[in-house]
Amino acid sequence: MSEAGTPTRSPFHSGEREVQQRLGVRDIEDWARKVVRPYLPEQHRDFHSALPFLVAAARDSEGRPWATLLAGPEGFVSSPDRRTLVIAAEPPPGDALEGRLTAGADLGLLGIELATRRRNRVNGRIAKDGDGAVTLAVDQTFGNCPQYIRERAWRRVEGAPSAPPIRGRHLTAAQRERIATADTFFIASGHRGVGEDPAFGMDASHRGGDPGFVRVLDEGHLVFPDYAGNNHYNTIGNLLVDPRAGLVFVDFATGGLLQLTGRTRIDWDSEALADLPGARRLVHFEIEASVELPGALPLRWDASAESVRSLRLVEKTAESADVTSFVFEARDGGPLPDFEAGQHLPIELQVTGQEAPLRRTYSLSGAPGEGRYRISVKREPRGLASRHLHDAVEVGTILDARRPAGEFLLPCGECPLVLVSAGVGITPLLAMLHSLAEEEGARPVWFVHGARDGAHHPLAAEVRALAEQRPGIRSHVAYSRPRPEDRRGRDYDSEGRVDAALLADLAAARDAHYLLCGPLGFMAEIQSGLERRGIPAERIHSESFGPRG
């Protein structure tokens, strides 16, 4: 596959494709061909190089998967070119993977920034080792959605003592308590089939939830939920063809690690799912070996970074047949942290019948700098959180939210922009349009939106008003199935779907950046069409949401 072209082979191996087919996932293949790359985009290279630690997944001499954390001083990760990462760190002394990160070995890495909830995955093979560093040849790299990541700020500690490793085959009482109260762990899984395929190798992945989301059934048996994510099903697909896995639990207060390796069993239709909001299936884990490393890392994390603000709902407005906007202000009347256009707001919902709050992330659709937050939410017929927002949350309701976050931002200060959305994907792009309408000058901006019809076109009047606010902004609306009243009013510009051909007709600027948000199939089709017309992948930016409930 060329870096600019569409891969000719699937980015998924047989296990991942089998899970996707079993769960009725559509459109993911075309989309993944665009976001799963054989190289590191510049923003990913910069991201990994600034991290204080990486999560690593590899195998021991017996072929068992283990997960660990690699930590080092500032700049310990570097990227000399787009297909290479150099990690100047080794597993801590006594680690289950000590001495196993050697040339030729599969290595999966997860770069995760807990304070901002951003993460990226890199998989490949170790090309070189020695002198306290490993060089990874990249096979696949891609970003992940921020669902279920607990925010934490980190700090370095100097000269922190570490104790000898504690090895075993069964959990001690203290270890069981630690797991039972955890809200985060990392999992290593992998598959290497016959022949060479970049989809083969090791994966390191994050798992998070409310404290207690991992249940300790006995000294050798855990069970944890698998939540909705990006529909790639990398971990579940690996476990389907190779049930071995490794888990690592981090003691964020002391820098300790608890590593486990064992075998999994996927429970697809457990009755216990009813007690775990948002969970789609359960994974049982039978422990075969454990390694505890007290104080192994030179890092500590502060839970205070997860501090929340109580928000009061001050406005609730129906924007279309299935989208409603919710405007929040600080409960105490004080200032709210500002946000950048394109970011999202993590909120918590107290839903009757649910023991723990539901945590969801919604794009901010209002203007930055107004001292209030607006989200615009589509009501999903089977969505627990969206139905609660639409049906039960009224003006005056108090809920908790964390600081806005996200990296789907305006990419440049003066370049032409084409903002392209479908359905409720309009929300982050509308916030961007607010910012662009306040700019001085007249740089070219196209705002292109696709909807089914006028009844399902949220925030239409607001877009029209912003487009008229300054020179250089133009909008185009396409209805795929306009109603008779839509045709009479002509509040849309074309009939049919938004595609790359339409964008090419509208925006002729060759140096434009394109920002896409909408269903996966929609974005994959647009991106493929743009690249066929010579638009470099670096000028196409997208926001992908995990399934919402």
Protein backbone atom coordinates (compact mmCIF):
# COMPACT_ATOMS: atom_id res chain seq x y z
CA MET A 1 0.00 0.00 0.00
CA SER A 2 1.30 3.47 -0.82
CA GLU A 3 1.14 6.06 1.93
CA ALA A 4 -1.28 8.18 -0.08
CA GLY A 5 -3.33 5.38 -1.53
CA THR A 6 -5.99 2.99 -0.37
CA PRO A 7 -4.68 -0.35 0.94
CA THR A 8 -5.44 -3.31 -1.27
CA ARG A 9 -5.66 -5.73 1.65
CA SER A 10 -7.87 -5.60 4.70
CA PRO A 11 -6.46 -3.85 7.80
CA PHE A 12 -8.11 -6.64 9.83
CA HIS A 13 -7.21 -10.28 10.27
CA SER A 14 -9.73 -13.13 10.14
CA GLY A 15 -10.66 -12.96 13.83
CA GLU A 16 -11.46 -9.25 13.72
CA ARG A 17 -13.53 -9.68 10.55
CA GLU A 18 -15.43 -12.59 12.10
CA VAL A 19 -16.39 -10.50 15.14
CA GLN A 20 -17.46 -7.58 12.94
CA GLN A 21 -19.63 -9.90 10.85
CA ARG A 22 -21.12 -11.53 13.93
CA LEU A 23 -22.07 -8.15 15.40
CA GLY A 24 -23.44 -6.73 12.16
CA VAL A 25 -20.85 -3.98 11.78
CA ARG A 26 -21.14 -2.23 8.43
CA ASP A 27 -18.92 0.28 6.64
CA ILE A 28 -15.98 -0.26 8.98
CA GLU A 29 -13.72 -1.87 6.37
CA ASP A 30 -13.67 1.12 4.01
CA TRP A 31 -13.27 3.56 6.88
CA ALA A 32 -10.46 1.57 8.51
CA ARG A 33 -8.54 1.48 5.25
CA LYS A 34 -8.21 5.24 5.67
CA VAL A 35 -7.49 5.57 9.38
CA VAL A 36 -5.31 2.47 9.89
CA ARG A 37 -2.04 3.55 8.32
CA PRO A 38 1.32 1.81 7.73
CA TYR A 39 3.12 4.94 8.90
CA LEU A 40 2.95 7.55 11.64
CA PRO A 41 1.32 10.85 10.63
CA GLU A 42 3.21 13.90 11.85
CA GLN A 43 0.76 14.55 14.69
CA HIS A 44 1.18 10.96 15.93
CA ARG A 45 4.98 11.26 15.82
CA ASP A 46 4.80 14.44 17.88
CA PHE A 47 2.27 12.90 20.27
CA HIS A 48 4.32 9.80 21.08
CA SER A 49 7.54 11.79 21.40
CA ALA A 50 6.02 13.96 24.13
CA LEU A 51 4.70 11.13 26.33
CA PRO A 52 6.18 10.14 29.71
CA PHE A 53 5.28 6.46 29.23
CA LEU A 54 4.02 3.92 26.70
CA VAL A 55 1.95 0.79 27.29
CA ALA A 56 3.65 -2.21 25.69
CA ALA A 57 2.35 -5.66 24.71
CA ALA A 58 4.69 -8.57 23.90
CA ARG A 59 5.21 -12.27 24.63
CA ASP A 60 7.50 -14.11 27.00
CA SER A 61 9.68 -17.12 26.13
CA GLU A 62 6.65 -19.42 26.41
CA GLY A 63 4.60 -17.30 24.00
CA ARG A 64 2.34 -15.91 26.72
CA PRO A 65 1.18 -12.29 26.28
CA TRP A 66 2.04 -9.71 28.92
CA ALA A 67 1.39 -5.99 29.19
CA THR A 68 3.68 -3.47 30.87
CA LEU A 69 4.55 0.23 30.95
CA LEU A 70 7.76 1.65 29.51
CA ALA A 71 8.75 4.95 31.13
CA GLY A 72 11.68 7.26 30.69
CA PRO A 73 12.93 10.85 30.88
CA GLU A 74 11.54 13.58 28.68
CA GLY A 75 12.06 12.70 25.02
CA PHE A 76 12.70 8.99 25.63
CA VAL A 77 10.48 8.23 22.62
CA SER A 78 11.59 9.54 19.23
CA SER A 79 10.53 9.04 15.62
CA PRO A 80 13.40 9.44 13.14
CA ASP A 81 11.02 8.79 10.24
CA ARG A 82 7.34 8.01 9.63
CA ARG A 83 7.81 4.24 9.82
CA THR A 84 9.97 4.09 12.95
CA LEU A 85 9.69 4.63 16.69
CA VAL A 86 12.72 4.45 18.97
CA ILE A 87 11.99 3.84 22.66
CA ALA A 88 14.95 4.49 24.96
CA ALA A 89 13.55 2.41 27.81
CA GLU A 90 13.33 -1.18 28.95
CA PRO A 91 10.81 -3.02 31.14
CA PRO A 92 11.41 -2.48 34.88
CA PRO A 93 13.68 -5.00 36.68
CA GLY A 94 11.78 -8.20 37.39
CA ASP A 95 9.10 -7.39 34.82
CA ALA A 96 7.51 -10.35 33.03
CA LEU A 97 8.85 -8.92 29.74
CA GLU A 98 12.37 -8.20 31.00
CA GLY A 99 14.77 -9.29 28.25
CA ARG A 100 11.94 -10.11 25.82
CA LEU A 101 11.91 -6.93 23.71
CA THR A 102 14.39 -8.28 21.18
CA ALA A 103 14.87 -7.96 17.43
CA GLY A 104 12.17 -9.79 15.46
CA ALA A 105 9.62 -9.81 18.29
CA ASP A 106 6.09 -8.52 17.81
CA LEU A 107 5.44 -5.37 19.85
CA GLY A 108 2.20 -3.49 20.36
CA LEU A 109 2.30 0.01 21.82
CA LEU A 110 -0.39 2.28 23.18
CA GLY A 111 0.41 5.95 23.63
CA ILE A 112 -2.13 7.43 26.01
CA GLU A 113 -2.35 10.87 27.58
CA LEU A 114 -4.59 10.44 30.61
CA ALA A 115 -4.89 14.15 31.31
CA THR A 116 -6.46 14.84 27.88
CA ARG A 117 -7.87 11.35 27.19
CA ARG A 118 -6.09 11.14 23.84
CA ARG A 119 -4.62 7.84 22.66
CA ASN A 120 -2.95 6.26 19.64
CA ARG A 121 -1.94 2.69 18.93
CA VAL A 122 1.12 1.44 17.06
CA ASN A 123 1.83 -2.18 16.16
CA GLY A 124 4.89 -3.67 14.49
CA ARG A 125 8.05 -5.68 14.92
CA ILE A 126 11.23 -4.80 16.75
CA ALA A 127 13.87 -4.07 14.11
CA LYS A 128 16.73 -3.50 16.55
CA ASP A 129 17.47 -3.74 20.26
CA GLY A 130 20.37 -3.01 22.58
CA ASP A 131 21.91 -0.18 24.57
CA GLY A 132 18.71 0.20 26.57
CA ALA A 133 16.53 1.00 23.55
CA VAL A 134 14.30 -0.74 21.04
CA THR A 135 13.55 0.34 17.48
CA LEU A 136 10.06 -0.50 16.24
CA ALA A 137 9.30 -0.90 12.53
CA VAL A 138 5.69 0.27 12.20
CA ASP A 139 3.09 -2.01 10.60
CA GLN A 140 -0.10 -0.25 11.69
CA THR A 141 -1.00 2.94 13.53
CA PHE A 142 -4.35 4.49 14.34
CA GLY A 143 -6.16 6.65 16.88
CA ASN A 144 -8.86 5.61 19.34
CA CYS A 145 -11.96 7.28 20.73
CA PRO A 146 -11.73 8.66 24.29
CA GLN A 147 -14.61 6.74 25.87
CA TYR A 148 -14.06 5.37 29.38
CA ILE A 149 -10.63 6.96 29.91
CA ARG A 150 -10.24 8.41 33.41
CA GLU A 151 -8.44 11.74 33.43
CA ARG A 152 -5.27 11.91 35.50
CA ALA A 153 -2.36 14.34 35.66
CA TRP A 154 1.13 12.87 36.02
CA ARG A 155 4.36 13.92 37.69
CA ARG A 156 7.85 12.47 37.88
CA VAL A 157 9.49 11.31 41.10
CA GLU A 158 13.23 11.00 41.58
CA GLY A 159 14.93 8.10 43.27
CA ALA A 160 11.70 6.30 44.16
CA PRO A 161 12.59 2.96 45.76
CA SER A 162 11.26 -0.22 44.21
CA ALA A 163 10.81 -3.57 45.95
CA PRO A 164 11.65 -7.04 44.59
CA PRO A 165 9.01 -8.59 42.30
CA ILE A 166 6.31 -10.78 43.82
CA ARG A 167 5.50 -13.77 41.60
CA GLY A 168 2.61 -16.15 41.91
CA ARG A 169 -0.18 -18.11 40.25
CA HIS A 170 -3.05 -16.86 42.38
CA LEU A 171 -4.11 -13.45 43.61
CA THR A 172 -3.42 -12.44 47.18
CA ALA A 173 -6.13 -10.73 49.21
CA ALA A 174 -4.43 -7.36 48.69
CA GLN A 175 -4.21 -7.94 44.94
CA ARG A 176 -7.88 -8.92 44.76
CA GLU A 177 -8.83 -5.71 46.57
CA ARG A 178 -6.66 -3.64 44.24
CA ILE A 179 -8.30 -5.11 41.14
CA ALA A 180 -11.81 -4.84 42.58
CA THR A 181 -11.40 -1.08 43.09
CA ALA A 182 -9.57 -0.32 39.84
CA ASP A 183 -11.05 1.94 37.17
CA THR A 184 -8.35 1.25 34.56
CA PHE A 185 -6.23 -1.57 33.20
CA PHE A 186 -4.37 -2.34 29.99
CA ILE A 187 -4.64 -5.56 28.00
CA ALA A 188 -2.19 -7.31 25.68
CA SER A 189 -3.45 -9.64 22.98
CA GLY A 190 -2.19 -10.81 19.63
CA HIS A 191 -2.40 -13.07 16.64
CA ARG A 192 0.15 -14.13 14.07
CA GLY A 193 -1.23 -16.25 11.26
CA VAL A 194 0.43 -17.88 8.30
CA GLY A 195 2.50 -15.60 6.08
CA GLU A 196 3.13 -11.90 6.42
CA ASP A 197 0.30 -9.46 7.06
CA PRO A 198 0.46 -6.06 8.80
CA ALA A 199 -2.75 -7.02 10.64
CA PHE A 200 -0.78 -9.70 12.50
CA GLY A 201 1.14 -8.96 15.68
CA MET A 202 0.54 -7.68 19.20
CA ASP A 203 -1.98 -5.11 20.40
CA ALA A 204 -1.92 -3.03 23.58
CA SER A 205 -5.31 -1.61 24.53
CA HIS A 206 -6.93 0.41 27.31
CA ARG A 207 -9.93 -0.72 29.34
CA GLY A 208 -11.73 1.55 31.77
CA GLY A 209 -14.95 1.92 33.70
CA ASP A 210 -16.34 2.76 37.10
CA PRO A 211 -14.38 1.39 40.10
CA GLY A 212 -15.41 -2.22 40.43
CA PHE A 213 -16.02 -2.78 36.72
CA VAL A 214 -13.56 -5.69 36.94
CA ARG A 215 -15.07 -8.40 39.11
CA VAL A 216 -12.87 -10.80 41.05
CA LEU A 217 -14.75 -14.10 41.18
CA ASP A 218 -12.02 -15.92 43.09
CA GLU A 219 -8.23 -15.96 43.47
CA GLY A 220 -7.72 -17.07 39.88
CA HIS A 221 -10.70 -15.80 37.91
CA LEU A 222 -11.68 -12.27 36.77
CA VAL A 223 -14.49 -11.05 34.57
CA PHE A 224 -14.72 -7.64 32.91
CA PRO A 225 -17.12 -5.94 30.48
CA ASP A 226 -16.35 -5.07 26.88
CA TYR A 227 -17.89 -1.71 26.01
CA ALA A 228 -18.75 -0.17 22.67
CA GLY A 229 -15.71 1.33 20.98
CA ASN A 230 -14.52 2.04 17.45
CA ASN A 231 -15.96 -1.18 15.94
CA HIS A 232 -12.50 -2.45 14.97
CA TYR A 233 -12.71 -5.20 17.61
CA ASN A 234 -8.93 -5.62 17.62
CA THR A 235 -8.75 -7.13 21.11
CA ILE A 236 -11.88 -9.27 20.84
CA GLY A 237 -10.81 -10.39 17.36
CA ASN A 238 -7.41 -11.42 18.70
CA LEU A 239 -8.98 -13.35 21.58
CA LEU A 240 -11.32 -15.16 19.20
CA VAL A 241 -8.36 -16.80 17.43
CA ASP A 242 -5.89 -16.81 20.35
CA PRO A 243 -7.57 -16.67 23.79
CA ARG A 244 -4.34 -15.86 25.64
CA ALA A 245 -4.04 -12.34 27.07
CA GLY A 246 -2.04 -10.26 29.50
CA LEU A 247 -3.39 -7.60 31.86
CA VAL A 248 -1.58 -4.90 33.80
CA PHE A 249 -3.10 -2.86 36.63
CA VAL A 250 -1.28 0.36 37.56
CA ASP A 251 -1.17 1.70 41.09
CA PHE A 252 -1.35 5.35 40.08
CA ALA A 253 -0.51 6.57 43.58
CA THR A 254 2.70 4.50 44.05
CA GLY A 255 3.83 3.64 40.51
CA GLY A 256 3.39 -0.08 41.12
CA LEU A 257 2.41 -2.64 38.48
CA LEU A 258 0.41 -5.85 38.78
CA GLN A 259 0.89 -8.02 35.68
CA LEU A 260 -1.27 -11.03 34.89
CA THR A 261 -1.23 -13.55 32.05
CA GLY A 262 -3.85 -16.15 31.32
CA ARG A 263 -6.63 -17.35 29.06
CA THR A 264 -9.91 -15.71 28.18
CA ARG A 265 -13.42 -16.78 27.33
CA ILE A 266 -15.91 -14.42 25.68
CA ASP A 267 -19.47 -14.48 27.01
CA TRP A 268 -21.50 -12.91 24.21
CA ASP A 269 -24.98 -12.91 25.76
CA SER A 270 -24.66 -12.97 29.55
CA GLU A 271 -27.67 -12.00 31.66
CA ALA A 272 -25.20 -10.09 33.85
CA LEU A 273 -24.89 -7.44 31.12
CA ALA A 274 -28.10 -5.91 32.43
CA ASP A 275 -26.15 -4.77 35.51
CA LEU A 276 -23.40 -3.10 33.46
CA PRO A 277 -24.74 -0.09 31.50
CA GLY A 278 -23.13 0.19 28.09
CA ALA A 279 -21.44 -3.22 28.20
CA ARG A 280 -21.89 -5.35 25.08
CA ARG A 281 -20.31 -8.63 26.25
CA LEU A 282 -18.23 -10.09 29.11
CA VAL A 283 -14.69 -11.44 29.04
CA HIS A 284 -13.69 -14.10 31.56
CA PHE A 285 -10.00 -14.28 32.43
CA GLU A 286 -8.35 -17.32 34.07
CA ILE A 287 -5.01 -16.38 35.65
CA GLU A 288 -1.98 -18.56 34.88
CA ALA A 289 0.77 -16.37 36.36
CA SER A 290 1.23 -13.00 38.04
CA VAL A 291 4.06 -10.55 38.68
CA GLU A 292 3.70 -7.62 41.08
CA LEU A 293 6.27 -4.82 40.85
CA PRO A 294 5.86 -2.38 43.77
CA GLY A 295 6.96 1.16 42.96
CA ALA A 296 8.37 0.12 39.59
CA LEU A 297 7.71 3.36 37.70
CA PRO A 298 9.26 6.83 38.19
CA LEU A 299 5.79 8.35 37.66
CA ARG A 300 2.80 9.16 39.84
CA TRP A 301 -0.68 10.20 38.80
CA ASP A 302 -3.08 12.51 40.60
CA ALA A 303 -6.77 11.73 40.61
CA SER A 304 -7.43 15.44 41.09
CA ALA A 305 -7.17 15.85 37.32
CA GLU A 306 -10.59 14.22 37.16
CA SER A 307 -12.13 17.02 39.21
CA VAL A 308 -15.57 17.86 37.90
CA ARG A 309 -17.76 20.93 37.75
CA SER A 310 -21.44 20.71 38.51
CA LEU A 311 -23.44 22.13 35.63
CA ARG A 312 -27.01 23.40 35.55
CA LEU A 313 -29.15 22.96 32.44
CA VAL A 314 -30.44 26.41 31.50
CA GLU A 315 -31.83 25.79 28.01
CA LYS A 316 -33.25 22.75 26.22
CA THR A 317 -34.15 23.22 22.55
CA ALA A 318 -35.45 20.77 19.94
CA GLU A 319 -33.32 21.28 16.83
CA SER A 320 -34.87 18.62 14.57
CA ALA A 321 -37.01 15.49 14.74
CA ASP A 322 -34.32 13.61 16.65
CA VAL A 323 -31.70 16.16 17.83
CA THR A 324 -32.02 18.35 20.93
CA SER A 325 -29.56 20.95 22.24
CA PHE A 326 -28.72 21.27 25.93
CA VAL A 327 -27.06 24.46 27.25
CA PHE A 328 -25.26 24.32 30.59
CA GLU A 329 -23.82 26.93 32.91
CA ALA A 330 -21.80 26.46 36.09
CA ARG A 331 -24.05 25.47 38.99
CA ASP A 332 -22.36 28.02 41.27
CA GLY A 333 -22.42 30.77 38.67
CA GLY A 334 -18.64 30.81 38.40
CA PRO A 335 -16.56 30.67 35.21
CA LEU A 336 -16.26 27.48 33.20
CA PRO A 337 -13.00 26.40 31.55
CA ASP A 338 -13.05 27.56 27.96
CA PHE A 339 -12.85 25.11 25.08
CA GLU A 340 -11.55 25.06 21.53
CA ALA A 341 -13.93 24.58 18.64
CA GLY A 342 -14.14 20.87 17.81
CA GLN A 343 -13.63 19.59 21.36
CA HIS A 344 -16.03 17.41 23.31
CA LEU A 345 -17.56 17.52 26.80
CA PRO A 346 -17.44 14.43 29.08
CA ILE A 347 -20.59 14.32 31.23
CA GLU A 348 -22.06 12.04 33.89
CA LEU A 349 -25.74 11.14 34.04
CA GLN A 350 -27.61 9.77 37.04
CA VAL A 351 -30.19 7.43 35.52
CA THR A 352 -32.93 5.82 37.57
CA GLY A 353 -32.29 2.11 37.98
CA GLN A 354 -28.55 2.43 37.33
CA GLU A 355 -26.29 2.12 40.36
CA ALA A 356 -23.39 4.03 38.79
CA PRO A 357 -23.53 7.22 36.72
CA LEU A 358 -23.42 6.88 32.94
CA ARG A 359 -20.39 8.56 31.42
CA ARG A 360 -20.71 9.89 27.89
CA THR A 361 -18.81 12.29 25.65
CA TYR A 362 -20.61 14.74 23.34
CA SER A 363 -19.16 17.33 20.96
CA LEU A 364 -19.63 20.95 21.97
CA SER A 365 -21.79 22.64 19.33
CA GLY A 366 -21.84 26.23 20.61
CA ALA A 367 -19.44 29.12 20.32
CA PRO A 368 -16.23 29.07 22.39
CA GLY A 369 -15.70 31.91 24.81
CA GLU A 370 -19.31 32.39 25.91
CA GLY A 371 -18.91 30.93 29.40
CA ARG A 372 -21.42 28.14 28.74
CA TYR A 373 -21.43 24.72 27.17
CA ARG A 374 -23.88 23.48 24.54
CA ILE A 375 -24.17 19.91 23.33
CA SER A 376 -26.59 18.74 20.64
CA VAL A 377 -27.58 15.10 21.05
CA LYS A 378 -29.35 12.70 18.70
CA ARG A 379 -31.92 10.49 20.39
CA GLU A 380 -30.96 6.89 19.73
CA PRO A 381 -33.94 4.50 20.06
CA ARG A 382 -31.88 2.03 22.12
CA GLY A 383 -29.51 4.55 23.69
CA LEU A 384 -29.79 4.65 27.47
CA ALA A 385 -28.01 7.99 27.86
CA SER A 386 -29.50 9.82 24.87
CA ARG A 387 -33.03 8.71 25.75
CA HIS A 388 -32.48 9.92 29.31
CA LEU A 389 -31.26 13.31 28.10
CA HIS A 390 -34.19 13.76 25.73
CA ASP A 391 -36.92 12.35 27.95
CA ALA A 392 -35.92 13.05 31.56
CA VAL A 393 -33.43 15.93 31.72
CA GLU A 394 -35.22 19.27 32.04
CA VAL A 395 -34.15 22.87 32.65
CA GLY A 396 -32.76 23.14 36.18
CA THR A 397 -31.26 19.63 36.19
CA ILE A 398 -27.79 19.41 37.75
CA LEU A 399 -25.17 17.07 36.33
CA ASP A 400 -21.40 16.73 36.50
CA ALA A 401 -18.91 17.26 33.69
CA ARG A 402 -15.17 17.17 33.28
CA ARG A 403 -13.00 19.61 31.40
CA PRO A 404 -13.56 19.75 27.61
CA ALA A 405 -10.95 17.86 25.63
CA GLY A 406 -10.17 16.57 22.17
CA GLU A 407 -7.77 17.07 19.27
CA PHE A 408 -10.24 17.55 16.38
CA LEU A 409 -9.38 21.23 15.97
CA LEU A 410 -9.04 23.81 13.22
CA PRO A 411 -5.75 22.85 11.54
CA CYS A 412 -4.45 26.18 10.27
CA GLY A 413 -4.82 29.92 10.69
CA GLU A 414 -5.22 31.16 7.13
CA CYS A 415 -5.74 28.19 4.77
CA PRO A 416 -9.06 27.61 2.98
CA LEU A 417 -11.33 25.18 4.83
CA VAL A 418 -14.09 22.80 3.78
CA LEU A 419 -16.20 21.59 6.72
CA VAL A 420 -18.17 18.49 5.71
CA SER A 421 -20.77 16.80 7.91
CA ALA A 422 -23.74 14.46 7.83
CA GLY A 423 -26.44 13.97 10.44
CA VAL A 424 -25.46 14.84 14.00
CA GLY A 425 -21.84 15.05 12.81
CA ILE A 426 -22.66 18.73 12.30
CA THR A 427 -22.00 19.48 15.99
CA PRO A 428 -18.20 19.97 16.23
CA LEU A 429 -18.11 21.66 12.83
CA LEU A 430 -20.77 24.14 13.91
CA ALA A 431 -18.56 25.18 16.83
CA MET A 432 -15.77 25.68 14.31
CA LEU A 433 -18.06 27.77 12.13
CA HIS A 434 -18.78 30.01 15.12
CA SER A 435 -15.04 30.61 15.54
CA LEU A 436 -14.49 31.19 11.82
CA ALA A 437 -17.35 33.68 11.63
CA GLU A 438 -15.56 35.81 14.25
CA GLU A 439 -12.27 35.86 12.33
CA GLU A 440 -11.02 38.99 10.70
CA GLY A 441 -10.36 38.78 6.99
CA ALA A 442 -12.18 36.69 4.43
CA ARG A 443 -10.41 33.37 4.08
CA PRO A 444 -12.52 30.91 2.06
CA VAL A 445 -14.70 28.56 4.13
CA TRP A 446 -17.23 26.08 2.80
CA PHE A 447 -19.73 24.50 5.21
CA VAL A 448 -21.29 21.45 3.52
CA HIS A 449 -23.92 19.36 5.29
CA GLY A 450 -25.95 16.33 4.29
CA ALA A 451 -29.29 15.40 5.88
CA ARG A 452 -32.22 13.15 5.06
CA ASP A 453 -34.73 16.00 4.86
CA GLY A 454 -35.76 19.24 6.53
CA ALA A 455 -37.22 17.45 9.55
CA HIS A 456 -33.85 15.82 10.21
CA HIS A 457 -31.68 18.89 9.60
CA PRO A 458 -30.59 20.29 12.99
CA LEU A 459 -29.34 23.84 13.54
CA ALA A 460 -29.99 24.89 9.94
CA ALA A 461 -30.95 28.51 10.68
CA GLU A 462 -27.87 28.96 12.85
CA VAL A 463 -25.58 27.83 10.05
CA ARG A 464 -27.24 30.18 7.57
CA ALA A 465 -26.85 33.13 9.95
CA LEU A 466 -23.17 32.39 10.57
CA ALA A 467 -22.49 32.02 6.84
CA GLU A 468 -23.89 35.51 6.33
CA GLN A 469 -21.86 37.02 9.16
CA ARG A 470 -18.63 37.62 7.25
CA PRO A 471 -17.36 37.48 3.65
CA GLY A 472 -15.78 34.27 2.46
CA ILE A 473 -18.11 31.80 4.20
CA ARG A 474 -20.46 29.82 1.99
CA SER A 475 -22.75 26.93 2.85
CA HIS A 476 -24.29 24.08 0.90
CA VAL A 477 -27.02 21.72 2.09
CA ALA A 478 -27.88 18.43 0.41
CA TYR A 479 -31.04 16.44 1.23
CA SER A 480 -31.00 12.78 0.27
CA ARG A 481 -34.80 12.36 0.52
CA PRO A 482 -36.45 15.79 0.58
CA ARG A 483 -40.13 16.01 1.53
CA PRO A 484 -42.69 17.86 -0.64
CA GLU A 485 -42.60 20.80 1.77
CA ASP A 486 -38.81 20.89 1.50
CA ARG A 487 -39.08 21.18 -2.27
CA ARG A 488 -41.58 24.01 -1.93
CA GLY A 489 -39.43 25.94 0.54
CA ARG A 490 -36.10 25.11 -1.13
CA ASP A 491 -34.16 25.38 2.13
CA TYR A 492 -31.58 23.06 0.61
CA ASP A 493 -29.22 23.45 -2.32
CA SER A 494 -29.02 20.02 -3.94
CA GLU A 495 -30.76 16.66 -3.85
CA GLY A 496 -28.73 13.54 -3.17
CA ARG A 497 -25.81 12.68 -0.96
CA VAL A 498 -22.73 14.73 -0.20
CA ASP A 499 -19.76 13.19 -2.00
CA ALA A 500 -16.29 14.14 -3.19
CA ALA A 501 -17.58 15.12 -6.63
CA LEU A 502 -19.89 17.69 -5.04
CA LEU A 503 -17.04 19.05 -2.93
CA ALA A 504 -14.79 19.31 -5.97
CA ASP A 505 -17.46 21.34 -7.77
CA LEU A 506 -17.91 23.68 -4.81
CA ALA A 507 -14.38 24.23 -3.53
CA ALA A 508 -11.68 24.58 -6.14
CA ALA A 509 -8.89 25.65 -3.74
CA ARG A 510 -6.10 23.08 -4.05
CA ASP A 511 -4.58 24.08 -0.70
CA ALA A 512 -7.80 23.62 1.27
CA HIS A 513 -8.01 21.48 4.40
CA TYR A 514 -11.06 19.23 4.75
CA LEU A 515 -12.68 18.44 8.11
CA LEU A 516 -15.11 15.50 8.10
CA CYS A 517 -17.59 14.35 10.73
CA GLY A 518 -20.43 11.87 10.28
CA PRO A 519 -21.13 8.14 9.90
CA LEU A 520 -18.11 5.96 9.19
CA GLY A 521 -19.22 4.99 5.68
CA PHE A 522 -19.85 8.62 4.80
CA MET A 523 -16.39 9.71 5.93
CA ALA A 524 -14.65 6.77 4.24
CA GLU A 525 -16.36 7.52 0.93
CA ILE A 526 -15.54 11.23 1.13
CA GLN A 527 -11.91 10.63 2.05
CA SER A 528 -11.40 8.06 -0.71
CA GLY A 529 -12.94 10.40 -3.28
CA LEU A 530 -10.83 13.34 -2.16
CA GLU A 531 -7.62 11.35 -2.32
CA ARG A 532 -8.50 10.11 -5.81
CA ARG A 533 -8.75 13.78 -6.77
CA GLY A 534 -5.24 14.44 -5.49
CA ILE A 535 -5.96 15.82 -2.01
CA PRO A 536 -3.14 14.66 0.32
CA ALA A 537 -4.23 12.61 3.34
CA GLU A 538 -2.50 15.16 5.60
CA ARG A 539 -5.09 17.75 4.58
CA ILE A 540 -8.06 15.53 5.42
CA HIS A 541 -9.05 15.53 9.10
CA SER A 542 -11.87 13.55 10.66
CA GLU A 543 -13.65 12.91 13.93
CA SER A 544 -14.81 9.36 14.56
CA PHE A 545 -17.20 8.58 17.41
CA GLY A 546 -17.69 5.24 19.06
CA PRO A 547 -21.27 3.97 19.14
CA ARG A 548 -23.35 6.00 21.58
CA GLY A 549 -25.98 4.90 23.98
